[in-house]
N, C-alpha and C. Protein backbone atom coordinates (compact mmCIF):
# COMPACT_ATOMS: atom_id res chain seq x y z
N MET A 1 0.81 -1.20 0.00
CA MET A 1 0.00 0.00 0.00
C MET A 1 0.86 1.26 0.00
N LEU A 2 1.98 1.21 0.69
CA LEU A 2 2.85 2.38 0.70
C LEU A 2 3.37 2.69 -0.70
N VAL A 3 3.62 1.66 -1.49
CA VAL A 3 4.10 1.88 -2.85
C VAL A 3 3.03 2.62 -3.66
N LEU A 4 1.77 2.20 -3.50
CA LEU A 4 0.68 2.86 -4.22
C LEU A 4 0.52 4.30 -3.77
N ALA A 5 0.66 4.55 -2.48
CA ALA A 5 0.55 5.92 -1.98
C ALA A 5 1.67 6.77 -2.55
N GLY A 6 2.88 6.22 -2.61
CA GLY A 6 4.01 6.95 -3.18
C GLY A 6 3.78 7.27 -4.65
N CYS A 7 3.22 6.33 -5.39
CA CYS A 7 2.94 6.56 -6.81
C CYS A 7 1.89 7.64 -6.99
N GLY A 8 0.89 7.65 -6.12
CA GLY A 8 -0.15 8.68 -6.20
C GLY A 8 0.42 10.05 -5.94
N GLN A 9 1.32 10.15 -4.98
CA GLN A 9 1.94 11.44 -4.69
C GLN A 9 2.84 11.88 -5.84
N MET A 10 3.55 10.93 -6.44
CA MET A 10 4.41 11.28 -7.57
C MET A 10 3.56 11.73 -8.75
N GLY A 11 2.46 11.04 -8.99
CA GLY A 11 1.55 11.42 -10.07
C GLY A 11 0.99 12.80 -9.86
N ALA A 12 0.65 13.13 -8.61
CA ALA A 12 0.12 14.46 -8.31
C ALA A 12 1.18 15.52 -8.57
N ALA A 13 2.43 15.23 -8.21
CA ALA A 13 3.51 16.19 -8.44
C ALA A 13 3.74 16.40 -9.93
N LEU A 14 3.61 15.35 -10.71
CA LEU A 14 3.84 15.47 -12.14
C LEU A 14 2.74 16.22 -12.85
N SER A 15 1.56 16.27 -12.24
CA SER A 15 0.43 16.92 -12.91
C SER A 15 0.25 18.38 -12.50
N GLN A 16 1.23 18.96 -11.84
CA GLN A 16 1.15 20.36 -11.43
C GLN A 16 1.25 21.27 -12.65
N GLN A 17 0.43 22.30 -12.68
CA GLN A 17 0.43 23.27 -13.78
C GLN A 17 0.85 24.63 -13.24
N ALA A 18 1.49 25.41 -14.09
CA ALA A 18 1.94 26.73 -13.66
C ALA A 18 1.84 27.72 -14.82
N ALA A 19 1.72 28.98 -14.44
CA ALA A 19 1.83 30.08 -15.40
C ALA A 19 3.09 30.84 -15.00
N VAL A 20 4.03 30.95 -15.93
CA VAL A 20 5.28 31.66 -15.68
C VAL A 20 5.22 32.97 -16.46
N VAL A 21 5.36 34.07 -15.73
CA VAL A 21 5.22 35.40 -16.32
C VAL A 21 6.61 36.01 -16.50
N THR A 22 6.88 36.49 -17.71
CA THR A 22 8.14 37.19 -17.97
C THR A 22 7.84 38.67 -18.18
N PHE A 23 8.84 39.48 -17.84
CA PHE A 23 8.69 40.92 -17.89
C PHE A 23 9.71 41.54 -18.83
N LYS A 24 9.38 42.71 -19.33
CA LYS A 24 10.29 43.46 -20.20
C LYS A 24 11.52 43.89 -19.42
N ALA A 25 12.61 44.14 -20.13
CA ALA A 25 13.85 44.60 -19.51
C ALA A 25 13.59 45.87 -18.71
N ASN A 26 14.31 46.02 -17.64
CA ASN A 26 14.26 47.20 -16.77
C ASN A 26 12.97 47.33 -15.96
N THR A 27 12.20 46.25 -15.86
CA THR A 27 11.02 46.26 -15.00
C THR A 27 11.50 46.20 -13.55
N THR A 28 10.94 47.03 -12.71
CA THR A 28 11.36 47.06 -11.30
C THR A 28 10.70 45.93 -10.52
N VAL A 29 11.34 45.57 -9.41
CA VAL A 29 10.77 44.56 -8.52
C VAL A 29 9.42 45.05 -7.99
N ALA A 30 9.32 46.33 -7.69
CA ALA A 30 8.06 46.88 -7.19
C ALA A 30 6.92 46.67 -8.19
N THR A 31 7.22 46.85 -9.47
CA THR A 31 6.21 46.62 -10.51
C THR A 31 5.82 45.16 -10.57
N VAL A 32 6.81 44.27 -10.53
CA VAL A 32 6.52 42.83 -10.55
C VAL A 32 5.62 42.45 -9.38
N LEU A 33 5.95 42.95 -8.20
CA LEU A 33 5.15 42.63 -7.02
C LEU A 33 3.74 43.20 -7.12
N ARG A 34 3.61 44.37 -7.72
CA ARG A 34 2.29 44.98 -7.91
C ARG A 34 1.44 44.14 -8.87
N VAL A 35 2.04 43.66 -9.95
CA VAL A 35 1.33 42.81 -10.91
C VAL A 35 0.95 41.50 -10.24
N ARG A 36 1.88 40.92 -9.49
CA ARG A 36 1.63 39.66 -8.77
C ARG A 36 0.42 39.78 -7.87
N GLN A 37 0.38 40.85 -7.10
CA GLN A 37 -0.73 41.07 -6.17
C GLN A 37 -2.04 41.34 -6.91
N ALA A 38 -1.98 42.15 -7.94
CA ALA A 38 -3.19 42.55 -8.67
C ALA A 38 -3.88 41.38 -9.34
N CYS A 39 -3.12 40.39 -9.78
CA CYS A 39 -3.71 39.26 -10.50
C CYS A 39 -3.89 38.02 -9.63
N SER A 40 -3.68 38.16 -8.34
CA SER A 40 -3.84 37.02 -7.43
C SER A 40 -5.29 36.76 -7.03
N HIS A 41 -6.22 37.57 -7.51
CA HIS A 41 -7.63 37.40 -7.17
C HIS A 41 -8.33 36.34 -8.01
N VAL A 42 -7.69 35.87 -9.06
CA VAL A 42 -8.32 34.92 -9.99
C VAL A 42 -8.58 33.60 -9.26
N PRO A 43 -9.81 33.09 -9.32
CA PRO A 43 -10.11 31.83 -8.64
C PRO A 43 -9.24 30.68 -9.15
N ASN A 44 -8.84 29.81 -8.25
CA ASN A 44 -8.05 28.61 -8.55
C ASN A 44 -6.66 28.90 -9.09
N VAL A 45 -6.19 30.12 -8.87
CA VAL A 45 -4.84 30.53 -9.28
C VAL A 45 -4.17 31.10 -8.04
N MET A 46 -3.00 30.55 -7.70
CA MET A 46 -2.29 31.02 -6.51
C MET A 46 -0.90 31.49 -6.89
N ALA A 47 -0.55 32.69 -6.49
CA ALA A 47 0.81 33.18 -6.71
C ALA A 47 1.76 32.33 -5.89
N ALA A 48 2.84 31.89 -6.52
CA ALA A 48 3.84 31.10 -5.80
C ALA A 48 4.52 32.00 -4.77
N PRO A 49 4.81 31.44 -3.61
CA PRO A 49 5.47 32.25 -2.59
C PRO A 49 6.86 32.70 -3.03
N ILE A 50 7.27 33.83 -2.55
CA ILE A 50 8.61 34.34 -2.81
C ILE A 50 9.44 34.04 -1.57
N LYS A 51 10.54 33.33 -1.76
CA LYS A 51 11.41 32.96 -0.64
C LYS A 51 12.21 34.17 -0.19
N ARG A 52 12.43 34.26 1.09
CA ARG A 52 13.19 35.39 1.64
C ARG A 52 14.62 35.43 1.10
N THR A 53 15.13 34.31 0.64
CA THR A 53 16.51 34.25 0.17
C THR A 53 16.65 34.65 -1.30
N GLU A 54 15.55 34.90 -1.98
CA GLU A 54 15.63 35.26 -3.40
C GLU A 54 16.11 36.69 -3.58
N THR A 55 16.95 36.89 -4.56
CA THR A 55 17.42 38.25 -4.87
C THR A 55 16.35 38.95 -5.70
N ALA A 56 16.53 40.25 -5.87
CA ALA A 56 15.57 41.02 -6.67
C ALA A 56 15.49 40.45 -8.09
N LEU A 57 16.61 40.05 -8.66
CA LEU A 57 16.62 39.48 -10.01
C LEU A 57 15.85 38.17 -10.05
N ASP A 58 15.99 37.35 -8.99
CA ASP A 58 15.25 36.09 -8.92
C ASP A 58 13.75 36.34 -8.90
N VAL A 59 13.31 37.36 -8.21
CA VAL A 59 11.89 37.68 -8.13
C VAL A 59 11.35 37.99 -9.53
N ILE A 60 12.08 38.78 -10.28
CA ILE A 60 11.64 39.13 -11.63
C ILE A 60 11.67 37.92 -12.55
N ASP A 61 12.67 37.08 -12.43
CA ASP A 61 12.81 35.92 -13.30
C ASP A 61 11.88 34.77 -12.93
N ALA A 62 11.32 34.79 -11.77
CA ALA A 62 10.61 33.60 -11.30
C ALA A 62 9.17 33.86 -10.87
N LEU A 63 8.50 34.83 -11.47
CA LEU A 63 7.11 35.09 -11.10
C LEU A 63 6.24 33.97 -11.64
N ARG A 64 5.66 33.21 -10.72
CA ARG A 64 4.85 32.05 -11.09
C ARG A 64 3.52 32.07 -10.38
N TYR A 65 2.56 31.47 -11.05
CA TYR A 65 1.25 31.20 -10.46
C TYR A 65 0.99 29.71 -10.58
N ASN A 66 0.52 29.09 -9.49
CA ASN A 66 0.11 27.70 -9.54
C ASN A 66 -1.29 27.67 -10.15
N THR A 67 -1.44 26.98 -11.27
CA THR A 67 -2.72 26.93 -11.98
C THR A 67 -3.25 25.51 -12.08
N THR A 68 -2.79 24.63 -11.20
CA THR A 68 -3.15 23.21 -11.25
C THR A 68 -4.66 23.01 -11.25
N ASN A 69 -5.38 23.75 -10.44
CA ASN A 69 -6.83 23.57 -10.32
C ASN A 69 -7.64 24.57 -11.13
N ALA A 70 -6.97 25.33 -11.97
CA ALA A 70 -7.65 26.39 -12.72
C ALA A 70 -8.37 25.83 -13.95
N SER A 71 -9.53 26.39 -14.21
CA SER A 71 -10.28 26.04 -15.42
C SER A 71 -9.77 26.89 -16.57
N ASP A 72 -10.23 26.60 -17.77
CA ASP A 72 -9.88 27.43 -18.92
C ASP A 72 -10.32 28.87 -18.70
N ALA A 73 -11.49 29.04 -18.08
CA ALA A 73 -11.99 30.39 -17.80
C ALA A 73 -11.08 31.11 -16.80
N ASN A 74 -10.59 30.39 -15.79
CA ASN A 74 -9.66 30.97 -14.83
C ASN A 74 -8.36 31.41 -15.52
N LEU A 75 -7.85 30.56 -16.40
CA LEU A 75 -6.61 30.89 -17.12
C LEU A 75 -6.81 32.10 -18.02
N ALA A 76 -7.97 32.19 -18.65
CA ALA A 76 -8.27 33.35 -19.50
C ALA A 76 -8.34 34.62 -18.66
N GLU A 77 -8.94 34.52 -17.48
CA GLU A 77 -9.03 35.68 -16.59
C GLU A 77 -7.65 36.12 -16.12
N LEU A 78 -6.79 35.16 -15.80
CA LEU A 78 -5.42 35.49 -15.41
C LEU A 78 -4.69 36.18 -16.56
N GLN A 79 -4.83 35.64 -17.74
CA GLN A 79 -4.18 36.22 -18.91
C GLN A 79 -4.68 37.64 -19.16
N GLN A 80 -5.97 37.87 -19.04
CA GLN A 80 -6.54 39.21 -19.24
C GLN A 80 -6.00 40.17 -18.20
N CYS A 81 -5.89 39.71 -16.96
CA CYS A 81 -5.37 40.58 -15.90
C CYS A 81 -3.92 40.95 -16.18
N LEU A 82 -3.11 39.96 -16.52
CA LEU A 82 -1.69 40.21 -16.76
C LEU A 82 -1.45 41.11 -17.97
N GLN A 83 -2.31 40.99 -18.98
CA GLN A 83 -2.14 41.78 -20.19
C GLN A 83 -2.46 43.26 -19.99
N LYS A 84 -3.05 43.61 -18.87
CA LYS A 84 -3.32 45.01 -18.56
C LYS A 84 -2.04 45.78 -18.26
N TYR A 85 -0.97 45.05 -17.96
CA TYR A 85 0.27 45.68 -17.52
C TYR A 85 1.29 45.69 -18.66
N PRO A 86 1.70 46.86 -19.11
CA PRO A 86 2.63 46.96 -20.23
C PRO A 86 3.99 46.33 -19.94
N SER A 87 4.34 46.16 -18.68
CA SER A 87 5.64 45.57 -18.34
C SER A 87 5.67 44.05 -18.55
N VAL A 88 4.50 43.41 -18.66
CA VAL A 88 4.45 41.96 -18.89
C VAL A 88 4.83 41.68 -20.34
N GLN A 89 5.85 40.85 -20.50
CA GLN A 89 6.31 40.50 -21.84
C GLN A 89 5.62 39.25 -22.35
N GLY A 90 5.39 38.27 -21.47
CA GLY A 90 4.77 37.03 -21.92
C GLY A 90 4.32 36.16 -20.77
N ILE A 91 3.51 35.16 -21.10
CA ILE A 91 2.99 34.21 -20.13
C ILE A 91 3.12 32.83 -20.74
N ASP A 92 3.72 31.92 -20.00
CA ASP A 92 3.89 30.55 -20.47
C ASP A 92 3.11 29.63 -19.53
N PHE A 93 2.07 28.97 -20.07
CA PHE A 93 1.31 28.01 -19.30
C PHE A 93 1.91 26.63 -19.57
N SER A 94 2.37 25.95 -18.51
CA SER A 94 3.05 24.67 -18.72
C SER A 94 2.94 23.77 -17.51
N ASP A 95 3.39 22.52 -17.71
CA ASP A 95 3.53 21.57 -16.60
C ASP A 95 4.78 21.94 -15.83
N VAL A 96 4.69 21.89 -14.49
CA VAL A 96 5.86 22.14 -13.67
C VAL A 96 6.91 21.08 -13.94
N SER A 97 6.48 19.88 -14.29
CA SER A 97 7.42 18.80 -14.58
C SER A 97 8.30 19.12 -15.77
N ASP A 98 7.92 20.09 -16.61
CA ASP A 98 8.73 20.50 -17.76
C ASP A 98 10.00 21.21 -17.31
N ASP A 99 10.03 21.69 -16.06
CA ASP A 99 11.17 22.47 -15.58
C ASP A 99 12.37 21.62 -15.20
N SER A 100 12.19 20.33 -15.08
CA SER A 100 13.30 19.50 -14.61
C SER A 100 14.27 19.16 -15.72
């Protein structure tokens, strides 16, 4: 049974979805944090926590939202929110497992 439980947990980890937001050059950390906060209201979308050890450059390079439980409508709402900000360069919706 423990083997099955381990497989279930591994399967859950592999099925994680994320939205990775990239910003234009010279975007300030304050702007990134403002965008992060402004678009965190979308249902089933959670901004990934920022670790205290991350540098300002890491914050800009690693703005992520967990979208594992998000519907297509939720993803569209997130995209619409992010597109309101001229500093947002792009959004990549992908499996977290793609990062390894």
